[in-house]
């Protein structure tokens, strides 16, 4: 399996919904078993809610802060963050060029 940022960005924004009225700011790169890989590139505000699976964020571009369970972490390209399933988190104060890879895996509720 292979994915490129260039190809994936052509699919964003995705479909609009009540949750994502401006269109989904993410797209699936690929999946296998319980693992899935996406890119995520919110614009202006990150309105995501906690996820059912554990996840990793690999920062591709941009700067800002990732707030995990109320704790702020500055980020820049090349950094990686772990967020356990069901933990409140969101990106804040991020630059317009912010893009992150997201890897979800494992059972619902986390490992």
Protein backbone atom coordinates (compact mmCIF):
# COMPACT_ATOMS: atom_id res chain seq x y z
CA UNK A 1 0.00 0.00 0.00
CA UNK A 2 1.15 3.51 -0.78
CA UNK A 3 -0.23 7.03 -0.39
CA UNK A 4 1.04 10.53 -1.14
CA UNK A 5 0.08 13.86 0.41
CA UNK A 6 -0.38 15.35 -3.07
CA UNK A 7 -2.95 12.74 -4.13
CA UNK A 8 -4.78 12.78 -0.79
CA UNK A 9 -5.10 16.58 -0.61
CA UNK A 10 -7.08 16.48 -3.88
CA UNK A 11 -9.84 14.66 -1.93
CA UNK A 12 -10.16 17.34 0.79
CA UNK A 13 -12.56 18.76 1.68
CA UNK A 14 -14.70 15.65 1.65
CA UNK A 15 -18.46 15.44 1.93
CA UNK A 16 -20.29 17.97 4.07
CA UNK A 17 -22.41 16.77 7.00
CA UNK A 18 -23.97 18.08 10.20
CA UNK A 19 -20.67 17.30 11.98
CA UNK A 20 -18.50 18.73 9.19
CA UNK A 21 -20.57 21.50 7.53
CA UNK A 22 -17.56 22.80 5.56
CA UNK A 23 -16.69 19.28 4.35
CA UNK A 24 -14.54 16.61 5.96
CA UNK A 25 -10.99 17.91 6.58
CA UNK A 26 -9.56 14.39 6.32
CA UNK A 27 -9.36 11.50 3.90
CA UNK A 28 -8.44 7.84 4.17
CA UNK A 29 -5.10 6.83 2.68
CA UNK A 30 -5.51 3.09 3.33
CA UNK A 31 -6.60 0.54 5.90
CA UNK A 32 -5.67 -3.00 6.93
CA UNK A 33 -7.31 -4.90 9.76
CA UNK A 34 -7.85 -2.50 12.67
CA UNK A 35 -5.26 -0.02 11.32
CA UNK A 36 -6.14 2.96 9.15
CA UNK A 37 -4.05 5.86 7.89
CA UNK A 38 -5.49 9.28 7.06
CA UNK A 39 -4.35 12.81 6.53
CA UNK A 40 -6.06 15.54 8.50
CA UNK A 41 -5.94 19.23 7.64
CA UNK A 42 -8.51 21.31 9.51
CA UNK A 43 -9.04 24.92 8.48
CA UNK A 44 -9.26 27.63 11.16
CA UNK A 45 -10.87 25.45 13.88
CA UNK A 46 -10.44 21.80 14.84
CA UNK A 47 -13.84 20.44 15.89
CA UNK A 48 -12.91 16.78 16.22
CA UNK A 49 -14.19 14.70 19.11
CA UNK A 50 -12.46 11.79 20.92
CA UNK A 51 -11.98 8.63 18.87
CA UNK A 52 -12.76 5.00 19.65
CA UNK A 53 -9.23 3.81 18.82
CA UNK A 54 -5.71 4.76 19.91
CA UNK A 55 -4.02 7.08 17.45
CA UNK A 56 -0.72 8.60 16.40
CA UNK A 57 -0.34 12.03 14.79
CA UNK A 58 2.74 12.51 12.60
CA UNK A 59 3.05 16.25 11.89
CA UNK A 60 3.79 16.76 8.18
CA UNK A 61 3.66 20.56 7.94
CA UNK A 62 2.68 23.62 9.93
CA UNK A 63 3.00 24.68 13.55
CA UNK A 64 0.59 25.08 16.44
CA UNK A 65 -0.50 23.36 19.61
CA UNK A 66 -2.06 19.97 20.27
CA UNK A 67 -4.14 19.96 23.45
CA UNK A 68 -4.41 16.46 24.95
CA UNK A 69 -6.59 16.09 28.06
CA UNK A 70 -6.06 19.79 28.81
CA UNK A 71 -2.26 19.69 28.42
CA UNK A 72 -0.78 21.88 25.64
CA UNK A 73 2.02 20.65 23.39
CA UNK A 74 3.66 22.88 20.78
CA UNK A 75 4.17 21.09 17.47
CA UNK A 76 6.18 21.47 14.28
CA UNK A 77 6.97 19.22 11.31
CA UNK A 78 8.69 15.97 12.19
CA UNK A 79 6.99 15.49 15.57
CA UNK A 80 4.74 12.58 16.55
CA UNK A 81 2.09 12.41 19.28
CA UNK A 82 0.16 9.52 20.85
CA UNK A 83 -3.47 10.03 21.90
CA UNK A 84 -5.23 7.19 23.70
CA UNK A 85 -8.76 6.19 22.71
CA UNK A 86 -11.56 8.30 24.21
CA UNK A 87 -9.20 11.11 25.33
CA UNK A 88 -10.30 14.67 24.56
CA UNK A 89 -7.87 16.38 22.18
CA UNK A 90 -7.73 19.02 19.46
CA UNK A 91 -5.33 21.16 17.48
CA UNK A 92 -5.30 24.88 18.31
CA UNK A 93 -3.47 27.99 17.09
CA UNK A 94 -2.29 26.12 13.99
CA UNK A 95 -0.87 27.66 10.85
CA UNK A 96 -2.75 27.64 7.54
CA UNK A 97 -0.36 25.02 6.10
CA UNK A 98 -1.04 22.46 8.88
CA UNK A 99 -1.26 18.83 7.70
CA UNK A 100 -0.85 15.71 9.82
CA UNK A 101 -0.84 12.00 9.13
CA UNK A 102 -3.14 10.10 11.52
CA UNK A 103 -2.78 6.39 12.27
CA UNK A 104 -5.62 4.62 14.10
CA UNK A 105 -5.26 1.03 15.32
CA UNK A 106 -6.42 -1.55 17.81
CA UNK A 107 -9.76 -2.37 19.40
CA UNK A 108 -12.44 0.16 20.27
CA UNK A 109 -11.61 1.58 23.67
CA UNK A 110 -7.84 1.32 23.04
CA UNK A 111 -5.20 -1.15 24.09
